C-alpha atoms as a PDB file:
ATOM      1  CA  UNK A   1     -15.774   4.368 -36.373  1.00  0.00           C
ATOM      2  CA  UNK A   2     -12.367   5.388 -34.995  1.00  0.00           C
ATOM      3  CA  UNK A   3     -11.911   6.709 -31.474  1.00  0.00           C
ATOM      4  CA  UNK A   4     -11.451  10.213 -32.917  1.00  0.00           C
ATOM      5  CA  UNK A   5     -15.034   9.982 -34.128  1.00  0.00           C
ATOM      6  CA  UNK A   6     -16.343   9.128 -30.654  1.00  0.00           C
ATOM      7  CA  UNK A   7     -17.935  11.841 -28.512  1.00  0.00           C
ATOM      8  CA  UNK A   8     -15.131  13.646 -26.681  1.00  0.00           C
ATOM      9  CA  UNK A   9     -16.426  12.534 -23.303  1.00  0.00           C
ATOM     10  CA  UNK A  10     -16.162   8.859 -24.303  1.00  0.00           C
ATOM     11  CA  UNK A  11     -12.569   8.896 -25.573  1.00  0.00           C
ATOM     12  CA  UNK A  12     -10.139   7.105 -23.239  1.00  0.00           C
ATOM     13  CA  UNK A  13      -7.421   9.756 -23.293  1.00  0.00           C
ATOM     14  CA  UNK A  14      -9.854  12.595 -22.627  1.00  0.00           C
ATOM     15  CA  UNK A  15     -11.585  10.600 -19.870  1.00  0.00           C
ATOM     16  CA  UNK A  16      -8.204   9.948 -18.257  1.00  0.00           C
ATOM     17  CA  UNK A  17      -7.430  13.679 -18.200  1.00  0.00           C
ATOM     18  CA  UNK A  18     -10.880  14.527 -16.875  1.00  0.00           C
ATOM     19  CA  UNK A  19     -11.404  11.778 -14.307  1.00  0.00           C
ATOM     20  CA  UNK A  20      -8.043  10.097 -13.689  1.00  0.00           C
ATOM     21  CA  UNK A  21      -6.646   6.743 -14.762  1.00  0.00           C
ATOM     22  CA  UNK A  22      -8.734   4.827 -12.202  1.00  0.00           C
ATOM     23  CA  UNK A  23     -11.887   5.733 -14.128  1.00  0.00           C
ATOM     24  CA  UNK A  24     -10.761   3.762 -17.198  1.00  0.00           C
ATOM     25  CA  UNK A  25     -11.311   0.070 -17.848  1.00  0.00           C
ATOM     26  CA  UNK A  26      -8.372  -2.260 -18.450  1.00  0.00           C
ATOM     27  CA  UNK A  27      -9.007  -2.170 -22.191  1.00  0.00           C
ATOM     28  CA  UNK A  28      -9.175   1.628 -22.186  1.00  0.00           C
ATOM     29  CA  UNK A  29      -5.890   1.918 -20.311  1.00  0.00           C
ATOM     30  CA  UNK A  30      -4.289  -0.441 -22.823  1.00  0.00           C
ATOM     31  CA  UNK A  31      -5.728   1.730 -25.614  1.00  0.00           C
ATOM     32  CA  UNK A  32      -4.002   4.809 -24.180  1.00  0.00           C
ATOM     33  CA  UNK A  33      -0.692   2.934 -24.065  1.00  0.00           C
ATOM     34  CA  UNK A  34      -1.095   1.510 -27.582  1.00  0.00           C
ATOM     35  CA  UNK A  35      -1.907   4.930 -28.986  1.00  0.00           C
ATOM     36  CA  UNK A  36      -4.026   3.761 -31.914  1.00  0.00           C
ATOM     37  CA  UNK A  37      -5.703   0.718 -33.360  1.00  0.00           C
ATOM     38  CA  UNK A  38      -5.632  -0.849 -36.801  1.00  0.00           C
ATOM     39  CA  UNK A  39      -8.027  -0.659 -39.757  1.00  0.00           C
ATOM     40  CA  UNK A  40     -11.302  -2.208 -38.660  1.00  0.00           C
ATOM     41  CA  UNK A  41     -10.402  -2.289 -34.974  1.00  0.00           C
ATOM     42  CA  UNK A  42      -9.885   0.741 -32.744  1.00  0.00           C
ATOM     43  CA  UNK A  43      -7.388   0.855 -29.868  1.00  0.00           C
ATOM     44  CA  UNK A  44      -9.990  -0.108 -27.231  1.00  0.00           C
ATOM     45  CA  UNK A  45     -11.053  -3.140 -29.273  1.00  0.00           C
ATOM     46  CA  UNK A  46      -7.376  -4.034 -29.674  1.00  0.00           C
ATOM     47  CA  UNK A  47      -6.956  -3.813 -25.909  1.00  0.00           C
ATOM     48  CA  UNK A  48      -9.951  -6.102 -25.402  1.00  0.00           C
ATOM     49  CA  UNK A  49      -8.516  -8.579 -27.918  1.00  0.00           C
ATOM     50  CA  UNK A  50      -5.175  -8.644 -26.069  1.00  0.00           C
ATOM     51  CA  UNK A  51      -6.950  -9.268 -22.765  1.00  0.00           C
ATOM     52  CA  UNK A  52      -9.070 -12.031 -24.295  1.00  0.00           C
ATOM     53  CA  UNK A  53      -6.040 -13.816 -25.726  1.00  0.00           C
ATOM     54  CA  UNK A  54      -4.057 -13.532 -22.492  1.00  0.00           C
ATOM     55  CA  UNK A  55      -6.995 -14.562 -20.301  1.00  0.00           C
ATOM     56  CA  UNK A  56      -6.596 -11.728 -17.794  1.00  0.00           C
ATOM     57  CA  UNK A  57      -4.766  -8.462 -17.271  1.00  0.00           C
ATOM     58  CA  UNK A  58      -2.419 -10.134 -14.815  1.00  0.00           C
ATOM     59  CA  UNK A  59      -1.386 -12.794 -17.320  1.00  0.00           C
ATOM     60  CA  UNK A  60      -0.978 -10.164 -20.008  1.00  0.00           C
ATOM     61  CA  UNK A  61       1.409  -8.164 -17.844  1.00  0.00           C
ATOM     62  CA  UNK A  62       3.185 -11.030 -16.118  1.00  0.00           C
ATOM     63  CA  UNK A  63       5.609 -11.974 -18.861  1.00  0.00           C
ATOM     64  CA  UNK A  64       6.220  -9.119 -21.322  1.00  0.00           C
ATOM     65  CA  UNK A  65       8.489 -11.292 -23.467  1.00  0.00           C
ATOM     66  CA  UNK A  66       5.504 -13.488 -24.315  1.00  0.00           C
ATOM     67  CA  UNK A  67       2.746 -10.992 -25.071  1.00  0.00           C
ATOM     68  CA  UNK A  68      -0.036 -12.438 -27.226  1.00  0.00           C
ATOM     69  CA  UNK A  69       0.547 -12.127 -30.963  1.00  0.00           C
ATOM     70  CA  UNK A  70      -2.137  -9.947 -32.479  1.00  0.00           C
ATOM     71  CA  UNK A  71      -2.444  -8.415 -35.928  1.00  0.00           C
ATOM     72  CA  UNK A  72      -1.666  -4.703 -35.693  1.00  0.00           C
ATOM     73  CA  UNK A  73       0.328  -5.021 -32.478  1.00  0.00           C
ATOM     74  CA  UNK A  74       3.807  -4.865 -33.925  1.00  0.00           C
ATOM     75  CA  UNK A  75       7.223  -4.148 -32.389  1.00  0.00           C
ATOM     76  CA  UNK A  76       6.428  -0.495 -31.581  1.00  0.00           C
ATOM     77  CA  UNK A  77       3.207  -1.235 -29.666  1.00  0.00           C
ATOM     78  CA  UNK A  78       4.750  -4.242 -27.941  1.00  0.00           C
ATOM     79  CA  UNK A  79       7.656  -2.027 -26.866  1.00  0.00           C
ATOM     80  CA  UNK A  80       5.207   0.482 -25.365  1.00  0.00           C
ATOM     81  CA  UNK A  81       3.468  -2.240 -23.375  1.00  0.00           C
ATOM     82  CA  UNK A  82       6.736  -3.728 -22.112  1.00  0.00           C
ATOM     83  CA  UNK A  83       8.028  -0.270 -21.157  1.00  0.00           C
ATOM     84  CA  UNK A  84       4.804   0.533 -19.284  1.00  0.00           C
ATOM     85  CA  UNK A  85       5.004  -2.718 -17.321  1.00  0.00           C
ATOM     86  CA  UNK A  86       8.617  -2.089 -16.391  1.00  0.00           C
ATOM     87  CA  UNK A  87       7.871   1.494 -15.308  1.00  0.00           C
ATOM     88  CA  UNK A  88       5.163   0.208 -12.949  1.00  0.00           C
ATOM     89  CA  UNK A  89       7.528  -2.337 -11.437  1.00  0.00           C
ATOM     90  CA  UNK A  90      10.302   0.213 -11.038  1.00  0.00           C
ATOM     91  CA  UNK A  91       7.879   2.563  -9.310  1.00  0.00           C
ATOM     92  CA  UNK A  92       7.024  -0.158  -6.782  1.00  0.00           C
ATOM     93  CA  UNK A  93      10.707  -0.987  -6.318  1.00  0.00           C
ATOM     94  CA  UNK A  94      11.500   2.699  -5.768  1.00  0.00           C
ATOM     95  CA  UNK A  95       8.745   2.935  -3.184  1.00  0.00           C
ATOM     96  CA  UNK A  96      10.177  -0.125  -1.455  1.00  0.00           C
ATOM     97  CA  UNK A  97      13.731   1.244  -1.507  1.00  0.00           C
ATOM     98  CA  UNK A  98      12.560   4.561  -0.024  1.00  0.00           C
ATOM     99  CA  UNK A  99      11.242   2.889   3.132  1.00  0.00           C
ATOM    100  CA  UNK A 100      13.438   3.492   6.186  1.00  0.00           C
ATOM    101  CA  UNK A 101      13.290  -0.264   6.780  1.00  0.00           C
ATOM    102  CA  UNK A 102      11.189  -3.334   6.006  1.00  0.00           C
ATOM    103  CA  UNK A 103       9.171  -3.855   9.155  1.00  0.00           C
ATOM    104  CA  UNK A 104       6.214  -6.007   8.067  1.00  0.00           C
ATOM    105  CA  UNK A 105       5.121  -8.358   5.255  1.00  0.00           C
ATOM    106  CA  UNK A 106       2.941  -5.580   3.846  1.00  0.00           C
ATOM    107  CA  UNK A 107       6.012  -3.422   3.162  1.00  0.00           C
ATOM    108  CA  UNK A 108       7.293  -5.760   0.456  1.00  0.00           C
ATOM    109  CA  UNK A 109       4.071  -7.520  -0.573  1.00  0.00           C
ATOM    110  CA  UNK A 110       3.015  -5.176  -3.395  1.00  0.00           C
ATOM    111  CA  UNK A 111       6.355  -5.335  -5.158  1.00  0.00           C
ATOM    112  CA  UNK A 112       6.813  -9.086  -4.813  1.00  0.00           C
ATOM    113  CA  UNK A 113       3.227  -9.710  -5.884  1.00  0.00           C
ATOM    114  CA  UNK A 114       3.704  -7.541  -8.989  1.00  0.00           C
ATOM    115  CA  UNK A 115       6.811  -9.538  -9.866  1.00  0.00           C
ATOM    116  CA  UNK A 116       5.514 -13.038  -9.248  1.00  0.00           C
ATOM    117  CA  UNK A 117       1.747 -13.446  -8.982  1.00  0.00           C
ATOM    118  CA  UNK A 118       0.719 -14.116 -12.572  1.00  0.00           C
ATOM    119  CA  UNK A 119       3.728 -16.039 -13.868  1.00  0.00           C
ATOM    120  CA  UNK A 120       2.723 -19.369 -15.457  1.00  0.00           C
ATOM    121  CA  UNK A 121       5.724 -21.103 -13.881  1.00  0.00           C
ATOM    122  CA  UNK A 122       7.081 -21.163 -10.338  1.00  0.00           C
ATOM    123  CA  UNK A 123       9.851 -18.723  -9.440  1.00  0.00           C
ATOM    124  CA  UNK A 124      11.848 -18.531  -6.216  1.00  0.00           C
ATOM    125  CA  UNK A 125      13.139 -15.038  -5.479  1.00  0.00           C
ATOM    126  CA  UNK A 126      14.950 -13.137  -2.756  1.00  0.00           C
ATOM    127  CA  UNK A 127      14.721  -9.576  -1.505  1.00  0.00           C
ATOM    128  CA  UNK A 128      18.113  -8.743  -0.034  1.00  0.00           C
ATOM    129  CA  UNK A 129      18.339  -6.373   2.952  1.00  0.00           C
ATOM    130  CA  UNK A 130      21.120  -4.818   4.980  1.00  0.00           C
ATOM    131  CA  UNK A 131      21.461  -5.219   8.734  1.00  0.00           C
ATOM    132  CA  UNK A 132      18.942  -2.402   9.238  1.00  0.00           C
ATOM    133  CA  UNK A 133      16.476  -4.135   6.909  1.00  0.00           C
ATOM    134  CA  UNK A 134      16.862  -1.596   4.087  1.00  0.00           C
ATOM    135  CA  UNK A 135      16.548  -2.929   0.546  1.00  0.00           C
ATOM    136  CA  UNK A 136      19.770  -3.830  -1.273  1.00  0.00           C
ATOM    137  CA  UNK A 137      18.306  -5.641  -4.258  1.00  0.00           C
ATOM    138  CA  UNK A 138      15.967  -8.244  -5.678  1.00  0.00           C
ATOM    139  CA  UNK A 139      16.797 -11.335  -7.684  1.00  0.00           C
ATOM    140  CA  UNK A 140      14.885 -14.289  -9.119  1.00  0.00           C
ATOM    141  CA  UNK A 141      17.194 -17.197  -8.360  1.00  0.00           C
ATOM    142  CA  UNK A 142      15.327 -20.267  -9.588  1.00  0.00           C
ATOM    143  CA  UNK A 143      12.692 -20.865 -12.243  1.00  0.00           C
ATOM    144  CA  UNK A 144      10.693 -24.065 -12.407  1.00  0.00           C
ATOM    145  CA  UNK A 145       7.504 -25.408 -13.904  1.00  0.00           C
ATOM    146  CA  UNK A 146       3.811 -25.119 -13.128  1.00  0.00           C
ATOM    147  CA  UNK A 147       4.228 -27.511 -10.193  1.00  0.00           C
ATOM    148  CA  UNK A 148       7.448 -26.384  -8.540  1.00  0.00           C
ATOM    149  CA  UNK A 149      10.988 -25.066  -8.683  1.00  0.00           C
ATOM    150  CA  UNK A 150      14.165 -26.658  -7.335  1.00  0.00           C
ATOM    151  CA  UNK A 151      15.879 -24.451  -4.743  1.00  0.00           C
ATOM    152  CA  UNK A 152      19.571 -24.907  -3.972  1.00  0.00           C
ATOM    153  CA  UNK A 153      20.561 -23.500  -0.551  1.00  0.00           C
ATOM    154  CA  UNK A 154      24.201 -23.039  -1.599  1.00  0.00           C
ATOM    155  CA  UNK A 155      23.136 -20.654  -4.373  1.00  0.00           C
ATOM    156  CA  UNK A 156      20.884 -18.702  -2.017  1.00  0.00           C
ATOM    157  CA  UNK A 157      23.797 -18.281   0.417  1.00  0.00           C
ATOM    158  CA  UNK A 158      26.096 -17.185  -2.414  1.00  0.00           C
ATOM    159  CA  UNK A 159      23.577 -14.601  -3.608  1.00  0.00           C
ATOM    160  CA  UNK A 160      23.178 -13.179  -0.093  1.00  0.00           C
ATOM    161  CA  UNK A 161      26.946 -12.882   0.279  1.00  0.00           C
ATOM    162  CA  UNK A 162      27.194 -11.216  -3.137  1.00  0.00           C
ATOM    163  CA  UNK A 163      24.795  -8.512  -1.946  1.00  0.00           C
ATOM    164  CA  UNK A 164      26.482  -8.331   1.487  1.00  0.00           C
ATOM    165  CA  UNK A 165      23.021  -8.932   2.931  1.00  0.00           C
ATOM    166  CA  UNK A 166      22.359  -8.999   6.651  1.00  0.00           C
ATOM    167  CA  UNK A 167      18.818 -10.251   6.161  1.00  0.00           C
ATOM    168  CA  UNK A 168      16.641 -11.646   3.402  1.00  0.00           C
ATOM    169  CA  UNK A 169      12.978 -12.070   2.511  1.00  0.00           C
ATOM    170  CA  UNK A 170      12.241 -15.211   0.520  1.00  0.00           C
ATOM    171  CA  UNK A 171       9.343 -15.361  -1.913  1.00  0.00           C
ATOM    172  CA  UNK A 172       7.881 -17.735  -4.447  1.00  0.00           C
ATOM    173  CA  UNK A 173       4.666 -18.012  -6.409  1.00  0.00           C
ATOM    174  CA  UNK A 174       2.129 -20.799  -6.781  1.00  0.00           C
ATOM    175  CA  UNK A 175       0.921 -20.716 -10.404  1.00  0.00           C
ATOM    176  CA  UNK A 176      -2.026 -22.917  -9.402  1.00  0.00           C
ATOM    177  CA  UNK A 177      -3.347 -19.989  -7.392  1.00  0.00           C
ATOM    178  CA  UNK A 178      -3.450 -21.414  -3.851  1.00  0.00           C
ATOM    179  CA  UNK A 179      -1.132 -19.381  -1.611  1.00  0.00           C
ATOM    180  CA  UNK A 180      -1.092 -21.908   1.247  1.00  0.00           C
ATOM    181  CA  UNK A 181       2.494 -23.019   2.038  1.00  0.00           C
ATOM    182  CA  UNK A 182       3.151 -26.664   1.216  1.00  0.00           C
ATOM    183  CA  UNK A 183       5.142 -29.145   3.279  1.00  0.00           C
ATOM    184  CA  UNK A 184       8.001 -28.724   0.797  1.00  0.00           C
ATOM    185  CA  UNK A 185       7.829 -24.931   1.270  1.00  0.00           C
ATOM    186  CA  UNK A 186       8.190 -25.361   5.032  1.00  0.00           C
ATOM    187  CA  UNK A 187      11.059 -27.809   4.693  1.00  0.00           C
ATOM    188  CA  UNK A 188      13.140 -25.679   2.318  1.00  0.00           C
ATOM    189  CA  UNK A 189      12.486 -22.639   4.507  1.00  0.00           C
ATOM    190  CA  UNK A 190      13.883 -24.424   7.549  1.00  0.00           C
ATOM    191  CA  UNK A 191      16.945 -25.526   5.555  1.00  0.00           C
ATOM    192  CA  UNK A 192      17.556 -21.965   4.341  1.00  0.00           C
ATOM    193  CA  UNK A 193      17.082 -20.472   7.811  1.00  0.00           C
ATOM    194  CA  UNK A 194      19.723 -22.846   9.191  1.00  0.00           C
ATOM    195  CA  UNK A 195      22.142 -22.382   6.279  1.00  0.00           C
ATOM    196  CA  UNK A 196      21.938 -18.594   6.313  1.00  0.00           C
ATOM    197  CA  UNK A 197      22.223 -18.444  10.104  1.00  0.00           C
ATOM    198  CA  UNK A 198      25.745 -19.855   9.760  1.00  0.00           C
ATOM    199  CA  UNK A 199      26.573 -16.684   7.795  1.00  0.00           C
ATOM    200  CA  UNK A 200      24.795 -14.428  10.321  1.00  0.00           C
ATOM    201  CA  UNK A 201      22.078 -13.708   7.755  1.00  0.00           C
ATOM    202  CA  UNK A 202      18.550 -13.628   9.098  1.00  0.00           C
ATOM    203  CA  UNK A 203      15.508 -14.855   7.159  1.00  0.00           C
ATOM    204  CA  UNK A 204      12.792 -12.334   7.998  1.00  0.00           C
ATOM    205  CA  UNK A 205       9.982 -13.960   6.066  1.00  0.00           C
ATOM    206  CA  UNK A 206       8.973 -16.286   3.262  1.00  0.00           C
ATOM    207  CA  UNK A 207       6.046 -14.971   1.227  1.00  0.00           C
ATOM    208  CA  UNK A 208       3.922 -17.388  -0.783  1.00  0.00           C
ATOM    209  CA  UNK A 209       2.156 -15.586  -3.608  1.00  0.00           C
ATOM    210  CA  UNK A 210      -0.970 -16.917  -5.267  1.00  0.00           C
ATOM    211  CA  UNK A 211      -4.485 -15.581  -5.781  1.00  0.00           C
ATOM    212  CA  UNK A 212      -5.532 -12.964  -3.262  1.00  0.00           C
ATOM    213  CA  UNK A 213      -3.220 -11.654  -0.577  1.00  0.00           C
ATOM    214  CA  UNK A 214       0.249 -13.211  -0.189  1.00  0.00           C
ATOM    215  CA  UNK A 215       0.720 -15.534   2.760  1.00  0.00           C
ATOM    216  CA  UNK A 216       3.510 -14.608   5.162  1.00  0.00           C
ATOM    217  CA  UNK A 217       5.041 -17.697   6.751  1.00  0.00           C
ATOM    218  CA  UNK A 218       6.378 -15.524   9.559  1.00  0.00           C
ATOM    219  CA  UNK A 219       2.920 -14.095  10.278  1.00  0.00           C
ATOM    220  CA  UNK A 220       1.302 -17.535  10.572  1.00  0.00           C
ATOM    221  CA  UNK A 221       4.046 -18.962  12.763  1.00  0.00           C
ATOM    222  CA  UNK A 222       5.842 -21.147  10.208  1.00  0.00           C
ATOM    223  CA  UNK A 223       9.156 -19.316  10.419  1.00  0.00           C
END
């Protein structure tokens, strides 16, 4: 049975119009994006299969270039998924850029979490701000492995100068899931604070992103 043969009240697209996107399951939302299924498997079943292969919605969306390979999900459907992911991220970035200023870890947490939380490798990134703490840009500077990423202070300084930043928020993810800052995290943060201070660039925070809420090193007194 195809989705068109389902009762109208059970169809994902109609339920979305009637009750809003929040009423749909992850698989149903994926079905709306995919548009249709394949012979023998409707769009909702295809969405479930994608989620099962990826392991979770977060892992599915984390790295669009490596979406699970699934029969019936060809270039057109993959393009829809990648475009949807990017639209969500741009919406968060737009919301961030519209803030008068970054005044707390919560202001940037949603965007940085969406960028970094579910990556299977560690990434060190920077959110560049002007002297009034308004967003200038975001860049992932270093990519590592499951266990860590090498961070080079000289490159961080160069990136800040390239953006003419007056302040910066550092962020990195822990693919293992634990968001607690490590000793190495604290050490590199101190090095970066000192190096950037020579350029009159202030480090406002270093967010560690794992499972659950990000940990702000500034909020827990480690900055």
